[in-house]
Amino acid sequence: MAARAGRRAWYGRAEETLAKVLKRRRDQMIIATKIWTSSPSEGREQANHALRLLGRVEIYQVHNLVNWPAQLRMLEQLKREGKVDAIGATHYDPRIVRSGSACSTGHRVPSQSRLSV
């Protein structure tokens, strides 16, 4: 709903800020961002929004493994298209990420279970 109304309030405007700050140095940066929605169409909208701003994403993660099967399929397609380099997963509980439930595609997936700066 928010996306249809033109609002981008998933977690502030981090991608907009990054795009502005990194405009001249984008080729020197590695960017990781995330999809965080249960809706496949909103997940696609989040990805398209980030890609419009950033051009490409080095690591795209399914945040808290929300509807990971649908989001993973979409991210794998973006990877095949060359818009994403790697697919990952985040979750607040490291046991969930270690279990590999979101990584059952047969390839290694970067994961994050703790805040990193």
N, C-alpha and C. Protein backbone atom coordinates (compact mmCIF):
# COMPACT_ATOMS: atom_id res chain seq x y z
N MET A 1 0.81 -1.19 0.00
CA MET A 1 0.00 0.00 0.00
C MET A 1 0.86 1.26 0.00
N ALA A 2 1.84 1.30 0.88
CA ALA A 2 2.69 2.49 0.98
C ALA A 2 3.43 2.74 -0.33
N ALA A 3 3.89 1.65 -0.96
CA ALA A 3 4.63 1.81 -2.22
C ALA A 3 3.72 2.38 -3.31
N ARG A 4 2.49 1.92 -3.36
CA ARG A 4 1.55 2.45 -4.36
C ARG A 4 1.27 3.92 -4.13
N ALA A 5 1.32 4.36 -2.88
CA ALA A 5 1.07 5.77 -2.55
C ALA A 5 2.33 6.62 -2.76
N GLY A 6 3.41 5.98 -3.19
CA GLY A 6 4.64 6.73 -3.45
C GLY A 6 5.53 6.88 -2.23
N ARG A 7 5.21 6.18 -1.16
CA ARG A 7 6.01 6.29 0.06
C ARG A 7 7.08 5.21 0.08
N ARG A 8 8.24 5.58 0.51
CA ARG A 8 9.35 4.65 0.65
C ARG A 8 9.79 4.67 2.10
N ALA A 9 9.05 4.02 2.95
CA ALA A 9 9.32 4.10 4.38
C ALA A 9 9.75 2.77 4.96
N TRP A 10 10.39 1.92 4.14
CA TRP A 10 10.76 0.60 4.64
C TRP A 10 11.69 0.72 5.82
N TYR A 11 12.61 1.58 5.77
CA TYR A 11 13.48 1.86 6.91
C TYR A 11 14.19 3.15 6.65
N GLY A 12 13.43 4.15 6.36
CA GLY A 12 14.03 5.43 6.07
C GLY A 12 14.44 5.54 4.62
N ARG A 13 15.46 6.31 4.39
CA ARG A 13 15.89 6.57 3.01
C ARG A 13 17.38 6.24 2.84
N ALA A 14 17.78 5.13 3.39
CA ALA A 14 19.19 4.76 3.34
C ALA A 14 19.70 4.65 1.91
N GLU A 15 18.93 4.02 1.03
CA GLU A 15 19.40 3.83 -0.34
C GLU A 15 19.48 5.16 -1.09
N GLU A 16 18.51 6.06 -0.84
CA GLU A 16 18.57 7.39 -1.47
C GLU A 16 19.82 8.14 -1.01
N THR A 17 20.10 8.07 0.28
CA THR A 17 21.28 8.74 0.83
C THR A 17 22.55 8.14 0.24
N LEU A 18 22.63 6.81 0.21
CA LEU A 18 23.81 6.16 -0.37
C LEU A 18 24.02 6.57 -1.82
N ALA A 19 22.95 6.58 -2.59
CA ALA A 19 23.07 6.93 -4.01
C ALA A 19 23.65 8.33 -4.18
N LYS A 20 23.21 9.26 -3.35
CA LYS A 20 23.72 10.64 -3.45
C LYS A 20 25.18 10.73 -3.02
N VAL A 21 25.49 10.12 -1.90
CA VAL A 21 26.84 10.22 -1.35
C VAL A 21 27.86 9.49 -2.22
N LEU A 22 27.47 8.35 -2.77
CA LEU A 22 28.42 7.52 -3.50
C LEU A 22 28.42 7.76 -5.01
N LYS A 23 27.71 8.76 -5.44
CA LYS A 23 27.54 9.00 -6.88
C LYS A 23 28.86 8.89 -7.66
N ARG A 24 29.89 9.53 -7.19
CA ARG A 24 31.18 9.54 -7.91
C ARG A 24 32.08 8.36 -7.57
N ARG A 25 31.74 7.62 -6.54
CA ARG A 25 32.60 6.52 -6.10
C ARG A 25 31.90 5.17 -6.15
N ARG A 26 30.78 5.08 -6.82
CA ARG A 26 29.99 3.85 -6.80
C ARG A 26 30.82 2.63 -7.20
N ASP A 27 31.68 2.78 -8.18
CA ASP A 27 32.48 1.65 -8.65
C ASP A 27 33.51 1.18 -7.62
N GLN A 28 33.74 1.95 -6.56
CA GLN A 28 34.69 1.58 -5.51
C GLN A 28 34.00 0.96 -4.29
N MET A 29 32.68 0.86 -4.32
CA MET A 29 31.92 0.44 -3.15
C MET A 29 31.30 -0.94 -3.33
N ILE A 30 31.13 -1.62 -2.21
CA ILE A 30 30.37 -2.86 -2.15
C ILE A 30 29.15 -2.56 -1.30
N ILE A 31 27.98 -2.72 -1.89
CA ILE A 31 26.74 -2.37 -1.19
C ILE A 31 25.94 -3.63 -0.88
N ALA A 32 25.49 -3.71 0.37
CA ALA A 32 24.58 -4.77 0.80
C ALA A 32 23.30 -4.09 1.25
N THR A 33 22.18 -4.62 0.82
CA THR A 33 20.88 -4.11 1.25
C THR A 33 19.94 -5.30 1.40
N LYS A 34 18.66 -5.04 1.68
CA LYS A 34 17.78 -6.15 2.02
C LYS A 34 16.36 -5.95 1.51
N ILE A 35 15.68 -7.08 1.38
CA ILE A 35 14.25 -7.14 1.10
C ILE A 35 13.60 -7.53 2.42
N TRP A 36 12.56 -6.80 2.81
CA TRP A 36 11.89 -7.13 4.07
C TRP A 36 10.39 -6.95 3.91
N THR A 37 9.74 -7.95 3.34
CA THR A 37 8.30 -7.94 3.17
C THR A 37 7.83 -9.36 2.88
N SER A 38 6.60 -9.65 3.23
CA SER A 38 6.04 -10.96 2.89
C SER A 38 5.44 -10.96 1.49
N SER A 39 5.23 -9.80 0.91
CA SER A 39 4.59 -9.67 -0.40
C SER A 39 5.61 -9.78 -1.53
N PRO A 40 5.43 -10.75 -2.44
CA PRO A 40 6.35 -10.83 -3.58
C PRO A 40 6.36 -9.57 -4.43
N SER A 41 5.20 -8.96 -4.65
CA SER A 41 5.17 -7.75 -5.49
C SER A 41 5.85 -6.58 -4.79
N GLU A 42 5.68 -6.45 -3.49
CA GLU A 42 6.37 -5.37 -2.77
C GLU A 42 7.87 -5.65 -2.70
N GLY A 43 8.25 -6.92 -2.59
CA GLY A 43 9.67 -7.27 -2.62
C GLY A 43 10.29 -6.86 -3.94
N ARG A 44 9.58 -7.11 -5.03
CA ARG A 44 10.07 -6.71 -6.35
C ARG A 44 10.18 -5.19 -6.44
N GLU A 45 9.19 -4.48 -5.87
CA GLU A 45 9.21 -3.01 -5.87
C GLU A 45 10.40 -2.49 -5.06
N GLN A 46 10.66 -3.10 -3.90
CA GLN A 46 11.81 -2.69 -3.10
C GLN A 46 13.11 -2.88 -3.88
N ALA A 47 13.23 -4.03 -4.53
CA ALA A 47 14.45 -4.31 -5.31
C ALA A 47 14.59 -3.34 -6.47
N ASN A 48 13.51 -3.11 -7.20
CA ASN A 48 13.56 -2.19 -8.34
C ASN A 48 13.93 -0.78 -7.90
N HIS A 49 13.38 -0.36 -6.76
CA HIS A 49 13.69 0.97 -6.23
C HIS A 49 15.19 1.10 -5.94
N ALA A 50 15.73 0.12 -5.24
CA ALA A 50 17.17 0.15 -4.91
C ALA A 50 18.02 0.12 -6.17
N LEU A 51 17.64 -0.70 -7.13
CA LEU A 51 18.42 -0.82 -8.36
C LEU A 51 18.35 0.45 -9.20
N ARG A 52 17.22 1.13 -9.20
CA ARG A 52 17.13 2.41 -9.90
C ARG A 52 18.11 3.42 -9.30
N LEU A 53 18.23 3.40 -7.98
CA LEU A 53 19.11 4.35 -7.30
C LEU A 53 20.58 3.97 -7.39
N LEU A 54 20.86 2.69 -7.22
CA LEU A 54 22.24 2.23 -7.05
C LEU A 54 22.85 1.59 -8.30
N GLY A 55 22.02 1.27 -9.27
CA GLY A 55 22.52 0.64 -10.48
C GLY A 55 22.63 -0.87 -10.36
N ARG A 56 23.25 -1.32 -9.31
CA ARG A 56 23.37 -2.74 -9.01
C ARG A 56 23.63 -2.88 -7.52
N VAL A 57 23.46 -4.09 -7.02
CA VAL A 57 23.68 -4.37 -5.60
C VAL A 57 24.60 -5.58 -5.51
N GLU A 58 25.67 -5.43 -4.74
CA GLU A 58 26.62 -6.53 -4.61
C GLU A 58 26.06 -7.67 -3.75
N ILE A 59 25.42 -7.35 -2.64
CA ILE A 59 24.83 -8.39 -1.77
C ILE A 59 23.40 -7.98 -1.45
N TYR A 60 22.45 -8.79 -1.90
CA TYR A 60 21.03 -8.54 -1.60
C TYR A 60 20.58 -9.63 -0.64
N GLN A 61 20.01 -9.22 0.50
CA GLN A 61 19.65 -10.16 1.55
C GLN A 61 18.14 -10.19 1.78
N VAL A 62 17.64 -11.37 2.12
CA VAL A 62 16.25 -11.51 2.57
C VAL A 62 16.30 -11.28 4.08
N HIS A 63 15.71 -10.18 4.53
CA HIS A 63 15.80 -9.77 5.93
C HIS A 63 14.82 -10.55 6.80
N ASN A 64 15.32 -11.11 7.88
CA ASN A 64 14.55 -11.92 8.83
C ASN A 64 13.83 -13.07 8.16
N LEU A 65 14.29 -13.44 6.98
CA LEU A 65 13.77 -14.59 6.23
C LEU A 65 12.26 -14.50 6.02
N VAL A 66 11.75 -13.28 5.82
CA VAL A 66 10.32 -13.07 5.59
C VAL A 66 9.99 -13.57 4.18
N ASN A 67 9.09 -14.55 4.10
CA ASN A 67 8.67 -15.17 2.83
C ASN A 67 9.88 -15.44 1.94
N TRP A 68 10.89 -16.08 2.51
CA TRP A 68 12.14 -16.26 1.79
C TRP A 68 12.01 -17.05 0.49
N PRO A 69 11.11 -18.04 0.36
CA PRO A 69 11.08 -18.75 -0.93
C PRO A 69 10.76 -17.82 -2.11
N ALA A 70 9.75 -16.98 -1.95
CA ALA A 70 9.38 -16.05 -3.04
C ALA A 70 10.47 -15.01 -3.26
N GLN A 71 10.99 -14.45 -2.19
CA GLN A 71 12.01 -13.41 -2.32
C GLN A 71 13.30 -13.99 -2.91
N LEU A 72 13.63 -15.20 -2.52
CA LEU A 72 14.85 -15.84 -3.04
C LEU A 72 14.74 -16.07 -4.55
N ARG A 73 13.57 -16.53 -5.02
CA ARG A 73 13.38 -16.73 -6.46
C ARG A 73 13.58 -15.41 -7.22
N MET A 74 13.01 -14.34 -6.68
CA MET A 74 13.13 -13.04 -7.33
C MET A 74 14.59 -12.58 -7.35
N LEU A 75 15.29 -12.73 -6.23
CA LEU A 75 16.69 -12.32 -6.16
C LEU A 75 17.57 -13.17 -7.07
N GLU A 76 17.26 -14.46 -7.18
CA GLU A 76 18.03 -15.31 -8.09
C GLU A 76 17.86 -14.85 -9.54
N GLN A 77 16.65 -14.40 -9.90
CA GLN A 77 16.43 -13.87 -11.24
C GLN A 77 17.27 -12.61 -11.46
N LEU A 78 17.27 -11.72 -10.46
CA LEU A 78 18.08 -10.51 -10.57
C LEU A 78 19.57 -10.84 -10.70
N LYS A 79 19.99 -11.89 -10.02
CA LYS A 79 21.39 -12.32 -10.12
C LYS A 79 21.68 -12.82 -11.53
N ARG A 80 20.78 -13.62 -12.09
CA ARG A 80 20.97 -14.10 -13.47
C ARG A 80 21.04 -12.93 -14.45
N GLU A 81 20.31 -11.85 -14.15
CA GLU A 81 20.30 -10.67 -15.02
C GLU A 81 21.53 -9.78 -14.81
N GLY A 82 22.38 -10.13 -13.83
CA GLY A 82 23.59 -9.37 -13.57
C GLY A 82 23.38 -8.12 -12.74
N LYS A 83 22.23 -7.99 -12.09
CA LYS A 83 21.93 -6.81 -11.27
C LYS A 83 22.34 -7.00 -9.82
N VAL A 84 22.55 -8.25 -9.42
CA VAL A 84 22.92 -8.61 -8.05
C VAL A 84 24.08 -9.59 -8.14
N ASP A 85 25.11 -9.39 -7.32
CA ASP A 85 26.26 -10.29 -7.33
C ASP A 85 26.06 -11.51 -6.43
N ALA A 86 25.52 -11.28 -5.23
CA ALA A 86 25.36 -12.36 -4.26
C ALA A 86 24.04 -12.19 -3.52
N ILE A 87 23.51 -13.32 -3.07
CA ILE A 87 22.25 -13.33 -2.33
C ILE A 87 22.55 -13.80 -0.92
N GLY A 88 21.95 -13.15 0.06
CA GLY A 88 22.19 -13.50 1.44
C GLY A 88 20.92 -13.55 2.26
N ALA A 89 21.10 -13.74 3.55
CA ALA A 89 19.98 -13.81 4.49
C ALA A 89 20.37 -13.13 5.79
N THR A 90 19.41 -12.51 6.43
CA THR A 90 19.62 -11.94 7.77
C THR A 90 18.54 -12.47 8.69
N HIS A 91 18.85 -12.59 9.94
CA HIS A 91 17.87 -12.99 10.95
C HIS A 91 18.41 -12.62 12.31
N TYR A 92 17.52 -12.26 13.21
CA TYR A 92 17.94 -11.88 14.56
C TYR A 92 18.41 -13.07 15.38
N ASP A 93 18.06 -14.29 14.97
CA ASP A 93 18.46 -15.49 15.70
C ASP A 93 19.49 -16.25 14.85
N PRO A 94 20.76 -16.26 15.27
CA PRO A 94 21.79 -16.92 14.46
C PRO A 94 21.53 -18.40 14.22
N ARG A 95 20.78 -19.05 15.10
CA ARG A 95 20.48 -20.47 14.90
C ARG A 95 19.64 -20.69 13.65
N ILE A 96 18.76 -19.76 13.36
CA ILE A 96 17.91 -19.88 12.17
C ILE A 96 18.75 -19.78 10.91
N VAL A 97 19.63 -18.80 10.86
CA VAL A 97 20.49 -18.63 9.68
C VAL A 97 21.40 -19.84 9.52
N ARG A 98 21.99 -20.30 10.63
CA ARG A 98 22.89 -21.45 10.56
C ARG A 98 22.17 -22.72 10.11
N SER A 99 20.88 -22.81 10.39
CA SER A 99 20.14 -24.02 10.02
C SER A 99 20.12 -24.20 8.51
N GLY A 100 20.32 -23.10 7.78
CA GLY A 100 20.38 -23.20 6.33
C GLY A 100 19.04 -23.27 5.66
N SER A 101 17.96 -23.05 6.40
CA SER A 101 16.64 -23.19 5.80
C SER A 101 16.43 -22.27 4.61
N ALA A 102 17.00 -21.08 4.65
CA ALA A 102 16.82 -20.15 3.53
C ALA A 102 17.89 -20.35 2.47
N CYS A 103 18.79 -21.25 2.72
CA CYS A 103 19.93 -21.41 1.81
C CYS A 103 19.89 -22.77 1.13
N SER A 104 18.71 -23.30 0.94
CA SER A 104 18.59 -24.66 0.43
C SER A 104 18.67 -24.72 -1.09
N THR A 105 19.26 -23.72 -1.71
CA THR A 105 19.35 -23.69 -3.17
C THR A 105 20.59 -24.41 -3.68
N GLY A 106 21.42 -24.88 -2.78
CA GLY A 106 22.60 -25.62 -3.21
C GLY A 106 23.84 -24.77 -3.40
N HIS A 107 23.77 -23.50 -3.12
CA HIS A 107 24.97 -22.66 -3.20
C HIS A 107 25.13 -21.89 -1.91
N ARG A 108 26.35 -21.47 -1.64
CA ARG A 108 26.63 -20.76 -0.40
C ARG A 108 26.03 -19.37 -0.45
N VAL A 109 25.46 -18.97 0.68
CA VAL A 109 24.76 -17.69 0.77
C VAL A 109 25.32 -16.91 1.95
N PRO A 110 25.77 -15.66 1.75
CA PRO A 110 26.22 -14.85 2.89
C PRO A 110 25.07 -14.67 3.88
N SER A 111 25.38 -14.70 5.16
CA SER A 111 24.32 -14.50 6.15
C SER A 111 24.81 -13.57 7.25
N GLN A 112 23.86 -12.92 7.89
CA GLN A 112 24.18 -11.99 8.97
C GLN A 112 23.14 -12.16 10.06
N SER A 113 23.60 -12.39 11.28
CA SER A 113 22.67 -12.54 12.39
C SER A 113 22.93 -11.54 13.50
N ARG A 114 23.91 -10.71 13.35
CA ARG A 114 24.22 -9.67 14.33
C ARG A 114 24.42 -8.36 13.60
N LEU A 115 24.18 -7.27 14.29
CA LEU A 115 24.39 -5.96 13.70
C LEU A 115 25.87 -5.74 13.42
N SER A 116 26.16 -5.23 12.25
CA SER A 116 27.54 -4.87 11.94
C SER A 116 27.54 -3.47 11.36
N VAL A 117 28.59 -2.73 11.63
CA VAL A 117 28.68 -1.35 11.16
C VAL A 117 29.90 -1.20 10.28
